[in-house]
Amino acid sequence: MIFSSWQFILVFLPFSFFVYFWLNYRRLVIAGKIWLVVVSLFFYAYWDIRYLPLILVSIFLNFAIGTGLAQAHEQSLQWKQKIRHRINRKVVLATGITANLLLLGYYKYTDFLLSNVNLIFGTDLELPQIVLPLAISFFTFTQIVYLVDSYKGETTEYDLLNYSLFVTFFPHLIAGPIVHHRQIMPQFFSQWTLIRRYSNILKGLFIFSIGLFKKVVIADSFAIWATAGFDGGQYLDFFAAWATSLSYTFQLYFDFSGYCDMAIGASLLFNIWLPINFNSPYKALDIQDFWRRWHITLSNFLRDYLYIPLGGNRCGEYRTYLNIFITFVLGGLWHGATWMFVIWGAMHGCALVIHRLWKLLKYPLHSALAWILTFTFVNVTWVFFRAKTLDDAFRVLRGMVDFSSVLGHTTGGIPVADLAWGGWLSDILLKFMPASFIGQFPIYLAIFATFMLIPQKNSVEMVSEAIGMRELAFSIVLSVTAMYFMLAATSSVFLYFNF
């Protein structure tokens, strides 16, 4: 089940909402929390019930390890015992983290590892073709954070029910954001979350409608053009290649940010504020600013639990560059078990190193040039993120620099289907525009309209203000439009199911 489905919007979400608050109204608070855990597990199992035991075992084991670490934090011991005790706690923490990473590694990287062994050593090991369990990357990282905080003694007040709710709460379970227990669990303890708060309901529905529109109207429309270009295998001229790359650049952003908006909106119905995961990343004026705005919770996780433990910027300039590069290569590999993601991560790691060196020159770029360079770099790197093979990536990139094709095609060289969309209008446009551009003209209209959205307020900025009649009418229009697109679509795929 995904957020942009009628089953979720018309059945699952309303039913979960009304039963939860009915139980709270009857002062059955514990039953209300149990209800949220049950419906969240149902939400998870709806995709494939075979992996329900996996998340349950993961929850129980991590809670047991975390509880032991937290309870042992403040034990009163003599100094010799304290040293031994501290070492034992570190061993337990390391064991817990290793177990989580091994579980993630088995499901996500076994086929990748074996295929590379076959390639390097000429072996013929059979690939088990393991299906990636839903959300394993997200709930694994969430629980690793919990173990580290338990080691620090910051989780002693939590029981199994609240921990299970923290991990499984359905708005963030599938695709994040990667939540920290300090951000979520205290909210479930607050009495303010137990009653319906109509201001939160309005804000939740408002931001959910924005996210739904971004996902099913904008992202799913761009998905058609991106898929045709990346997976078609055909030659792409200059205009087709840029239409393909820009379509995916916008598809990915509006798909994932739209889904996160829906997560925040659905969570707000239950009076729970999830952390912001996107803050207009395509407004960024440098690559560092981009990563402060894109997938914010993952960036924070990589910084706090990988970059800083590696030494951060405390070990000299050259070691800092190496730490940045390693962090982003591993961040790329987290997204998926292919070399394409590693290349993408390495490119961003190198870009951040170059940005850091450029800052030492104290020669800032004009804001317009800085934005163009940043956006263009991000757009180019998304080609590697999306392409299934290097050949596909280079096919798109070659088209993006094939300037000879701008004016090289005559009307006779363009497929009739590419010109048929406009009828007589295509004949008029051919008098003023290159023939190869006319076939892509509808896509570029959509791209132009999307570029106009970039400078506008994002959904979180909009929802931070009061919700009046104008905003309510706006959300209704978005919801109706999105529902029409959703019901008319033959399929709707959420990209981060693959990660």
Protein backbone atom coordinates (compact mmCIF):
# COMPACT_ATOMS: atom_id res chain seq x y z
CA MET A 1 0.00 0.00 0.00
CA ILE A 2 1.32 3.42 -0.91
CA PHE A 3 0.07 6.83 0.17
CA SER A 4 -1.03 7.72 -3.36
CA SER A 5 -3.59 4.92 -3.60
CA TRP A 6 -7.34 5.02 -3.07
CA GLN A 7 -7.04 2.17 -0.57
CA PHE A 8 -4.87 4.32 1.68
CA ILE A 9 -6.66 7.65 1.20
CA LEU A 10 -10.28 6.48 1.28
CA VAL A 11 -10.12 3.45 3.58
CA PHE A 12 -6.94 2.90 5.61
CA LEU A 13 -6.19 6.46 6.77
CA PRO A 14 -9.75 7.48 7.80
CA PHE A 15 -10.37 4.15 9.55
CA SER A 16 -7.06 4.35 11.45
CA PHE A 17 -7.74 7.96 12.42
CA PHE A 18 -11.27 7.55 13.75
CA VAL A 19 -10.61 4.35 15.70
CA TYR A 20 -7.47 5.85 17.30
CA PHE A 21 -9.22 8.96 18.56
CA TRP A 22 -12.33 7.01 19.56
CA LEU A 23 -10.13 4.85 21.80
CA ASN A 24 -8.47 7.94 23.25
CA TYR A 25 -11.90 9.53 23.81
CA ARG A 26 -12.82 6.44 25.84
CA ARG A 27 -9.56 6.98 27.80
CA LEU A 28 -8.13 3.75 26.40
CA VAL A 29 -4.75 5.35 25.72
CA ILE A 30 -2.75 2.13 25.77
CA ALA A 31 -5.28 0.52 23.43
CA GLY A 32 -4.90 3.53 21.11
CA LYS A 33 -1.15 3.02 20.90
CA ILE A 34 -1.61 -0.71 20.34
CA TRP A 35 -4.07 0.14 17.58
CA LEU A 36 -1.51 2.36 15.84
CA VAL A 37 1.11 -0.39 16.05
CA VAL A 38 -1.34 -2.96 14.64
CA VAL A 39 -2.47 -0.81 11.71
CA SER A 40 1.14 0.17 11.01
CA LEU A 41 2.16 -3.49 10.85
CA PHE A 42 -0.83 -4.16 8.58
CA PHE A 43 0.30 -1.26 6.40
CA TYR A 44 3.76 -2.85 6.20
CA ALA A 45 2.49 -6.38 5.58
CA TYR A 46 0.07 -5.24 2.88
CA TRP A 47 2.98 -5.21 0.40
CA ASP A 48 4.30 -8.68 1.32
CA ILE A 49 3.27 -10.44 4.51
CA ARG A 50 6.29 -12.75 4.32
CA TYR A 51 8.53 -9.98 5.66
CA LEU A 52 6.35 -9.13 8.66
CA PRO A 53 8.31 -11.52 10.95
CA LEU A 54 11.53 -9.80 9.85
CA ILE A 55 10.55 -6.37 11.16
CA LEU A 56 9.06 -7.90 14.33
CA VAL A 57 12.25 -9.80 15.13
CA SER A 58 14.29 -6.69 14.37
CA ILE A 59 12.15 -4.63 16.76
CA PHE A 60 12.34 -7.13 19.63
CA LEU A 61 16.09 -7.72 19.33
CA ASN A 62 16.97 -4.04 19.06
CA PHE A 63 14.72 -3.12 21.95
CA ALA A 64 16.29 -5.83 24.10
CA ILE A 65 19.81 -4.69 23.23
CA GLY A 66 18.91 -1.03 23.67
CA THR A 67 17.25 -1.65 27.04
CA GLY A 68 20.30 -3.50 28.29
CA LEU A 69 22.62 -0.71 27.16
CA ALA A 70 20.43 2.00 28.68
CA GLN A 71 19.95 0.28 32.03
CA ALA A 72 23.66 -0.48 32.35
CA HIS A 73 24.64 3.13 31.66
CA GLU A 74 24.32 4.44 35.23
CA GLN A 75 25.39 1.40 37.22
CA SER A 76 27.46 2.28 40.26
CA LEU A 77 30.75 0.40 40.05
CA GLN A 78 34.31 0.75 41.28
CA TRP A 79 36.73 2.23 38.78
CA LYS A 80 38.26 -1.13 37.73
CA GLN A 81 34.82 -2.57 37.21
CA LYS A 82 33.77 0.55 35.32
CA ILE A 83 36.54 0.07 32.78
CA ARG A 84 35.55 -3.55 32.20
CA HIS A 85 31.89 -2.58 32.21
CA ARG A 86 32.47 0.16 29.61
CA ILE A 87 34.32 -2.27 27.36
CA ASN A 88 31.50 -4.80 27.65
CA ARG A 89 28.91 -2.17 26.76
CA LYS A 90 30.93 -1.18 23.70
CA VAL A 91 31.06 -4.82 22.64
CA VAL A 92 27.28 -5.11 23.02
CA LEU A 93 26.74 -1.91 21.04
CA ALA A 94 29.11 -3.03 18.30
CA THR A 95 27.38 -6.42 18.17
CA GLY A 96 23.96 -4.80 17.86
CA ILE A 97 25.05 -2.44 15.09
CA THR A 98 26.84 -5.27 13.28
CA ALA A 99 23.76 -7.48 13.46
CA ASN A 100 21.63 -4.71 11.92
CA LEU A 101 24.15 -4.07 9.16
CA LEU A 102 24.53 -7.79 8.41
CA LEU A 103 20.77 -8.10 8.07
CA LEU A 104 20.68 -5.11 5.74
CA GLY A 105 23.73 -6.39 3.87
CA TYR A 106 22.30 -9.86 3.34
CA TYR A 107 19.08 -8.64 1.76
CA LYS A 108 20.48 -5.65 -0.09
CA TYR A 109 24.01 -6.55 -1.17
CA THR A 110 24.32 -10.35 -1.47
CA ASP A 111 23.51 -10.44 -5.19
CA PHE A 112 25.76 -7.42 -5.79
CA LEU A 113 28.69 -9.03 -3.96
CA LEU A 114 28.34 -12.40 -5.68
CA SER A 115 28.00 -10.85 -9.15
CA ASN A 116 31.23 -8.90 -8.61
CA VAL A 117 33.01 -12.02 -7.34
CA ASN A 118 31.91 -13.81 -10.52
CA LEU A 119 33.15 -10.92 -12.63
CA ILE A 120 36.55 -10.58 -10.94
CA PHE A 121 37.42 -14.24 -10.42
CA GLY A 122 35.56 -15.77 -13.35
CA THR A 123 33.44 -17.93 -11.07
CA ASP A 124 29.87 -18.98 -11.70
CA LEU A 125 28.26 -18.56 -8.29
CA GLU A 126 24.50 -18.68 -8.46
CA LEU A 127 22.77 -15.44 -7.51
CA PRO A 128 19.98 -16.07 -4.98
CA GLN A 129 17.90 -13.15 -6.43
CA ILE A 130 16.91 -11.96 -2.97
CA VAL A 131 13.90 -9.66 -2.90
CA LEU A 132 14.60 -6.51 -0.89
CA PRO A 133 12.20 -6.26 2.09
CA LEU A 134 10.17 -3.09 2.16
CA ALA A 135 11.71 -0.20 4.15
CA ILE A 136 14.61 -2.26 5.51
CA SER A 137 17.09 0.57 4.88
CA PHE A 138 14.98 3.05 6.81
CA PHE A 139 14.01 0.96 9.84
CA THR A 140 17.57 -0.38 10.10
CA PHE A 141 19.06 3.11 10.30
CA THR A 142 16.35 4.24 12.71
CA GLN A 143 17.19 1.40 15.09
CA ILE A 144 20.94 1.89 14.83
CA VAL A 145 20.41 5.46 16.01
CA TYR A 146 18.35 4.11 18.90
CA LEU A 147 21.12 1.71 19.95
CA VAL A 148 23.72 4.48 19.94
CA ASP A 149 21.46 6.71 22.05
CA SER A 150 20.75 3.81 24.40
CA TYR A 151 24.49 3.41 24.86
CA LYS A 152 24.58 7.09 25.89
CA GLY A 153 21.79 6.48 28.42
CA GLU A 154 19.18 8.57 26.63
CA THR A 155 16.39 5.98 26.24
CA THR A 156 15.79 4.59 29.75
CA GLU A 157 12.19 5.84 29.95
CA TYR A 158 10.83 3.86 26.97
CA ASP A 159 8.95 0.56 26.98
CA LEU A 160 8.38 -1.99 24.21
CA LEU A 161 5.01 -0.57 23.16
CA ASN A 162 6.32 2.96 22.69
CA TYR A 163 9.45 1.68 20.98
CA SER A 164 7.38 -0.44 18.58
CA LEU A 165 5.22 2.58 17.80
CA PHE A 166 8.34 4.68 17.23
CA VAL A 167 9.72 2.19 14.69
CA THR A 168 6.51 1.17 12.93
CA PHE A 169 4.45 4.40 12.90
CA PHE A 170 3.15 4.10 9.35
CA PRO A 171 3.64 7.68 8.08
CA HIS A 172 7.45 7.35 8.30
CA LEU A 173 7.85 3.57 8.09
CA ILE A 174 8.14 3.06 4.33
CA ALA A 175 10.38 5.90 3.17
CA GLY A 176 11.36 7.97 6.13
CA PRO A 177 12.16 10.52 7.14
CA ILE A 178 14.76 8.72 9.26
CA VAL A 179 13.46 9.72 12.68
CA HIS A 180 15.30 10.14 15.95
CA HIS A 181 13.60 8.95 19.14
CA ARG A 182 13.97 12.44 20.66
CA GLN A 183 11.90 13.83 17.79
CA ILE A 184 9.01 11.38 17.96
CA MET A 185 8.68 9.41 21.20
CA PRO A 186 8.16 12.40 23.54
CA GLN A 187 5.24 13.43 21.34
CA PHE A 188 3.52 10.10 21.95
CA PHE A 189 3.90 10.69 25.70
CA SER A 190 2.26 14.11 25.51
CA GLN A 191 -1.41 14.40 26.46
CA TRP A 192 -1.81 16.99 23.72
CA THR A 193 -1.63 14.23 21.11
CA LEU A 194 -4.54 12.28 22.55
CA ILE A 195 -7.36 14.54 21.36
CA ARG A 196 -8.36 15.71 17.91
CA ARG A 197 -6.74 19.07 17.22
CA TYR A 198 -8.53 20.65 14.29
CA SER A 199 -5.69 23.06 13.48
CA ASN A 200 -3.38 20.06 12.98
CA ILE A 201 -6.04 18.24 10.96
CA LEU A 202 -6.36 21.22 8.60
CA LYS A 203 -2.59 21.55 8.26
CA GLY A 204 -2.24 17.81 7.78
CA LEU A 205 -4.85 17.65 5.03
CA PHE A 206 -3.37 20.76 3.40
CA ILE A 207 0.18 19.43 3.22
CA PHE A 208 -1.07 15.94 2.28
CA SER A 209 -2.93 17.42 -0.70
CA ILE A 210 0.22 19.23 -1.84
CA GLY A 211 2.25 16.04 -1.54
CA LEU A 212 -0.36 13.99 -3.37
CA PHE A 213 -0.43 16.52 -6.23
CA LYS A 214 3.38 16.55 -6.43
CA LYS A 215 3.46 12.76 -6.56
CA VAL A 216 0.65 11.74 -8.91
CA VAL A 217 0.37 14.81 -11.15
CA ILE A 218 3.91 16.14 -11.47
CA ALA A 219 6.22 13.20 -10.66
CA ASP A 220 4.18 10.49 -12.38
CA SER A 221 3.84 12.66 -15.52
CA PHE A 222 7.59 13.23 -15.71
CA ALA A 223 8.11 9.52 -15.06
CA ILE A 224 6.63 8.65 -18.46
CA TRP A 225 9.16 10.82 -20.31
CA ALA A 226 12.11 9.85 -18.14
CA THR A 227 11.41 6.14 -18.57
CA ALA A 228 11.05 6.46 -22.34
CA GLY A 229 14.44 8.16 -22.59
CA PHE A 230 16.44 6.10 -20.11
CA ASP A 231 15.02 2.66 -20.83
CA GLY A 232 14.18 2.95 -24.53
CA GLY A 233 17.73 2.30 -25.75
CA GLN A 234 17.27 4.62 -28.71
CA TYR A 235 19.54 7.43 -29.86
CA LEU A 236 18.78 10.70 -28.09
CA ASP A 237 19.46 14.01 -29.76
CA PHE A 238 20.25 17.21 -27.85
CA PHE A 239 16.66 18.16 -27.03
CA ALA A 240 15.53 14.60 -26.27
CA ALA A 241 18.50 13.97 -23.97
CA TRP A 242 17.95 17.14 -21.95
CA ALA A 243 14.22 16.43 -21.79
CA THR A 244 15.06 12.96 -20.47
CA SER A 245 17.53 14.10 -17.80
CA LEU A 246 15.42 17.04 -16.61
CA SER A 247 12.31 14.85 -16.52
CA TYR A 248 14.04 12.46 -14.13
CA THR A 249 15.49 15.32 -12.07
CA PHE A 250 11.98 16.61 -11.45
CA GLN A 251 10.41 13.16 -11.20
CA LEU A 252 12.73 12.12 -8.40
CA TYR A 253 12.33 15.30 -6.40
CA PHE A 254 8.56 15.59 -6.67
CA ASP A 255 8.15 11.84 -6.12
CA PHE A 256 10.18 11.68 -2.93
CA SER A 257 9.38 15.13 -1.52
CA GLY A 258 5.73 14.62 -2.37
CA TYR A 259 5.75 11.32 -0.50
CA CYS A 260 7.44 12.99 2.48
CA ASP A 261 4.80 15.73 2.42
CA MET A 262 2.11 13.08 2.53
CA ALA A 263 3.95 11.44 5.44
CA ILE A 264 4.08 14.73 7.35
CA GLY A 265 0.43 15.42 6.55
CA ALA A 266 -0.78 11.97 7.60
CA SER A 267 1.28 12.18 10.78
CA LEU A 268 -0.16 15.59 11.64
CA LEU A 269 -3.65 14.07 11.67
CA PHE A 270 -2.43 12.17 14.75
CA ASN A 271 -0.80 15.36 16.19
CA ILE A 272 2.71 14.08 15.46
CA TRP A 273 5.22 16.36 13.73
CA LEU A 274 7.75 14.48 11.62
CA PRO A 275 11.09 16.17 10.84
CA ILE A 276 11.42 18.04 7.56
CA ASN A 277 13.18 15.98 4.90
CA PHE A 278 13.27 18.46 1.99
CA ASN A 279 13.73 22.20 2.01
CA SER A 280 13.62 23.34 -1.63
CA PRO A 281 16.91 21.64 -2.64
CA TYR A 282 16.78 22.96 -6.19
CA LYS A 283 17.14 26.48 -4.80
CA ALA A 284 20.64 25.60 -3.58
CA LEU A 285 23.53 27.85 -4.64
CA ASP A 286 26.27 25.30 -3.95
CA ILE A 287 26.56 21.56 -3.45
CA GLN A 288 26.93 21.84 0.32
CA ASP A 289 23.73 23.87 0.47
CA PHE A 290 22.04 21.23 -1.70
CA TRP A 291 22.85 18.50 0.83
CA ARG A 292 21.55 20.66 3.65
CA ARG A 293 18.22 20.73 1.81
CA TRP A 294 17.96 17.27 0.15
CA HIS A 295 16.97 14.17 2.17
CA ILE A 296 17.91 16.09 5.31
CA THR A 297 17.46 13.22 7.76
CA LEU A 298 19.76 10.93 5.74
CA SER A 299 22.34 13.70 5.45
CA ASN A 300 22.20 14.20 9.23
CA PHE A 301 22.55 10.47 9.81
CA LEU A 302 25.60 10.18 7.55
CA ARG A 303 27.14 13.22 9.22
CA ASP A 304 26.52 12.12 12.82
CA TYR A 305 27.07 8.37 12.52
CA LEU A 306 29.65 8.09 9.73
CA TYR A 307 31.46 11.33 8.89
CA ILE A 308 32.08 12.43 12.51
CA PRO A 309 33.12 8.94 13.73
CA LEU A 310 35.58 8.79 10.80
CA GLY A 311 37.16 11.93 12.21
CA GLY A 312 35.11 14.64 10.55
CA ASN A 313 37.18 17.77 10.09
CA ARG A 314 39.26 17.21 13.23
CA CYS A 315 42.17 15.35 11.61
CA GLY A 316 43.57 17.85 9.16
CA GLU A 317 42.51 19.11 5.76
CA TYR A 318 43.44 16.08 3.65
CA ARG A 319 41.84 13.63 6.06
CA THR A 320 38.71 15.77 5.99
CA TYR A 321 38.54 15.44 2.21
CA LEU A 322 38.94 11.67 2.49
CA ASN A 323 36.21 11.47 5.16
CA ILE A 324 33.83 13.45 2.95
CA PHE A 325 34.54 11.20 -0.02
CA ILE A 326 34.12 7.97 1.97
CA THR A 327 30.87 9.23 3.50
CA PHE A 328 29.30 9.97 0.14
CA VAL A 329 30.50 6.78 -1.54
CA LEU A 330 28.88 4.78 1.27
CA GLY A 331 25.84 7.06 1.09
CA GLY A 332 25.57 6.24 -2.59
CA LEU A 333 25.87 2.52 -1.88
CA TRP A 334 23.11 2.83 0.74
CA HIS A 335 20.72 3.81 -2.05
CA GLY A 336 21.25 0.57 -3.90
CA ALA A 337 23.58 -2.30 -4.68
CA THR A 338 24.92 -1.17 -8.05
CA TRP A 339 28.06 0.60 -9.19
CA MET A 340 25.89 3.36 -10.61
CA PHE A 341 25.00 4.50 -7.11
CA VAL A 342 28.65 4.29 -6.07
CA ILE A 343 29.62 6.48 -9.03
CA TRP A 344 26.88 8.94 -8.12
CA GLY A 345 28.04 9.09 -4.50
CA ALA A 346 31.69 9.49 -5.56
CA MET A 347 30.77 12.39 -7.85
CA HIS A 348 29.03 14.20 -5.01
CA GLY A 349 31.91 13.45 -2.66
CA CYS A 350 34.36 14.97 -5.15
CA ALA A 351 32.08 17.98 -5.67
CA LEU A 352 31.98 18.67 -1.94
CA VAL A 353 35.77 18.45 -1.75
CA ILE A 354 36.09 20.88 -4.68
CA HIS A 355 33.56 23.20 -3.05
CA ARG A 356 35.55 23.17 0.18
CA LEU A 357 38.74 24.02 -1.74
CA TRP A 358 36.96 26.78 -3.65
CA LYS A 359 35.83 28.37 -0.38
CA LEU A 360 39.48 28.67 0.63
CA LEU A 361 40.03 30.95 -2.38
CA LYS A 362 37.39 33.35 -0.99
CA TYR A 363 36.09 34.09 -4.49
CA PRO A 364 32.30 33.74 -4.34
CA LEU A 365 30.35 33.25 -7.53
CA HIS A 366 27.43 35.41 -8.58
CA SER A 367 24.24 33.83 -7.25
CA ALA A 368 22.80 33.19 -10.73
CA LEU A 369 25.96 31.46 -11.93
CA ALA A 370 26.23 29.53 -8.67
CA TRP A 371 22.66 28.26 -9.06
CA ILE A 372 23.19 27.25 -12.70
CA LEU A 373 26.39 25.35 -11.88
CA THR A 374 24.84 23.61 -8.88
CA PHE A 375 21.62 22.61 -10.63
CA THR A 376 23.45 21.46 -13.76
CA PHE A 377 25.83 19.31 -11.73
CA VAL A 378 22.97 17.76 -9.76
CA ASN A 379 21.04 17.11 -13.00
CA VAL A 380 24.06 15.40 -14.61
CA THR A 381 24.72 13.21 -11.58
CA TRP A 382 21.07 12.11 -11.48
CA VAL A 383 21.75 10.53 -14.90
CA PHE A 384 24.06 8.01 -13.21
CA PHE A 385 21.58 7.61 -10.34
CA ARG A 386 18.80 6.67 -12.77
CA ALA A 387 20.60 4.78 -15.54
CA LYS A 388 20.72 1.02 -15.17
CA THR A 389 24.10 0.72 -16.91
CA LEU A 390 27.02 2.94 -17.81
CA ASP A 391 26.07 2.57 -21.46
CA ASP A 392 22.64 4.03 -20.74
CA ALA A 393 24.18 6.89 -18.76
CA PHE A 394 26.68 7.76 -21.49
CA ARG A 395 23.95 7.48 -24.12
CA VAL A 396 22.00 10.23 -22.35
CA LEU A 397 25.10 12.33 -21.62
CA ARG A 398 26.30 12.10 -25.23
CA GLY A 399 22.96 13.41 -26.38
CA MET A 400 23.16 16.30 -23.91
CA VAL A 401 26.36 17.54 -25.61
CA ASP A 402 25.39 16.62 -29.18
CA PHE A 403 25.08 20.22 -30.35
CA SER A 404 25.19 19.16 -33.99
CA SER A 405 21.73 17.64 -33.60
CA VAL A 406 20.17 20.96 -32.62
CA LEU A 407 19.72 21.99 -36.24
CA GLY A 408 20.76 18.75 -37.87
CA HIS A 409 17.31 17.19 -38.23
CA THR A 410 14.89 18.07 -40.99
CA THR A 411 11.16 17.52 -40.76
CA GLY A 412 11.53 14.28 -42.71
CA GLY A 413 13.95 12.90 -40.13
CA ILE A 414 11.53 13.35 -37.23
CA PRO A 415 9.04 10.53 -36.46
CA VAL A 416 5.50 11.52 -37.37
CA ALA A 417 4.32 10.50 -33.90
CA ASP A 418 6.58 13.16 -32.36
CA LEU A 419 4.91 15.88 -34.42
CA ALA A 420 1.33 14.59 -34.32
CA TRP A 421 0.65 15.93 -30.82
CA GLY A 422 0.18 19.50 -32.12
CA GLY A 423 -1.62 18.94 -35.41
CA TRP A 424 -1.69 22.19 -37.35
CA LEU A 425 0.17 23.91 -34.50
CA SER A 426 3.23 21.78 -35.23
CA ASP A 427 3.26 23.13 -38.79
CA ILE A 428 3.33 26.69 -37.46
CA LEU A 429 6.02 25.97 -34.87
CA LEU A 430 8.25 24.37 -37.51
CA LYS A 431 8.62 27.80 -39.09
CA PHE A 432 10.29 29.18 -35.97
CA MET A 433 11.85 26.25 -34.11
CA PRO A 434 14.20 23.35 -34.88
CA ALA A 435 12.34 20.26 -36.03
CA SER A 436 13.97 18.13 -33.33
CA PHE A 437 12.61 20.48 -30.67
CA ILE A 438 8.98 20.29 -31.79
CA GLY A 439 8.66 16.64 -30.80
CA GLN A 440 9.83 17.51 -27.29
CA PHE A 441 7.85 20.74 -27.05
CA PRO A 442 5.13 19.47 -24.62
CA ILE A 443 7.83 18.12 -22.31
CA TYR A 444 9.67 21.43 -22.32
CA LEU A 445 6.45 23.26 -21.52
CA ALA A 446 6.10 21.05 -18.44
CA ILE A 447 9.78 21.59 -17.58
CA PHE A 448 9.39 25.36 -17.93
CA ALA A 449 6.31 25.35 -15.70
CA THR A 450 8.19 23.31 -13.11
CA PHE A 451 11.13 25.70 -13.16
CA MET A 452 8.61 28.42 -12.29
CA LEU A 453 7.69 26.46 -9.17
CA ILE A 454 11.26 26.34 -7.83
CA PRO A 455 11.39 29.92 -6.45
CA GLN A 456 8.00 29.54 -4.73
CA LYS A 457 7.43 28.64 -1.09
CA ASN A 458 7.69 24.96 -0.41
CA SER A 459 4.95 22.98 1.29
CA VAL A 460 6.46 23.22 4.78
CA GLU A 461 6.80 27.00 4.49
CA MET A 462 3.19 27.21 3.34
CA VAL A 463 1.84 25.06 6.16
CA SER A 464 3.76 27.07 8.77
CA GLU A 465 1.29 29.90 8.17
CA ALA A 466 -2.36 29.98 9.17
CA ILE A 467 -4.72 27.91 7.03
CA GLY A 468 -7.46 30.24 5.76
CA MET A 469 -10.22 29.89 3.23
CA ARG A 470 -7.86 30.57 0.32
CA GLU A 471 -5.48 27.81 1.40
CA LEU A 472 -8.43 25.48 2.01
CA ALA A 473 -9.79 26.11 -1.48
CA PHE A 474 -6.31 25.63 -2.92
CA SER A 475 -5.94 22.26 -1.19
CA ILE A 476 -9.36 21.13 -2.42
CA VAL A 477 -8.43 21.94 -6.02
CA LEU A 478 -5.13 20.09 -5.66
CA SER A 479 -6.83 17.09 -4.03
CA VAL A 480 -9.54 16.80 -6.66
CA THR A 481 -7.03 17.10 -9.49
CA ALA A 482 -4.68 14.60 -7.87
CA MET A 483 -7.49 12.12 -7.17
CA TYR A 484 -8.54 12.30 -10.81
CA PHE A 485 -4.99 11.58 -11.97
CA MET A 486 -4.61 8.85 -9.36
CA LEU A 487 -7.80 7.01 -10.33
CA ALA A 488 -7.09 7.42 -14.06
CA ALA A 489 -3.54 6.08 -13.81
CA THR A 490 -2.89 2.44 -14.62
CA SER A 491 0.05 2.28 -12.21
CA SER A 492 1.83 4.48 -9.70
CA VAL A 493 5.25 3.50 -8.43
CA PHE A 494 7.08 5.15 -5.56
CA LEU A 495 10.77 5.40 -6.51
CA TYR A 496 12.20 4.90 -3.04
CA PHE A 497 10.60 1.46 -2.77
CA ASN A 498 13.74 0.44 -4.68
CA PHE A 499 16.12 1.81 -2.05
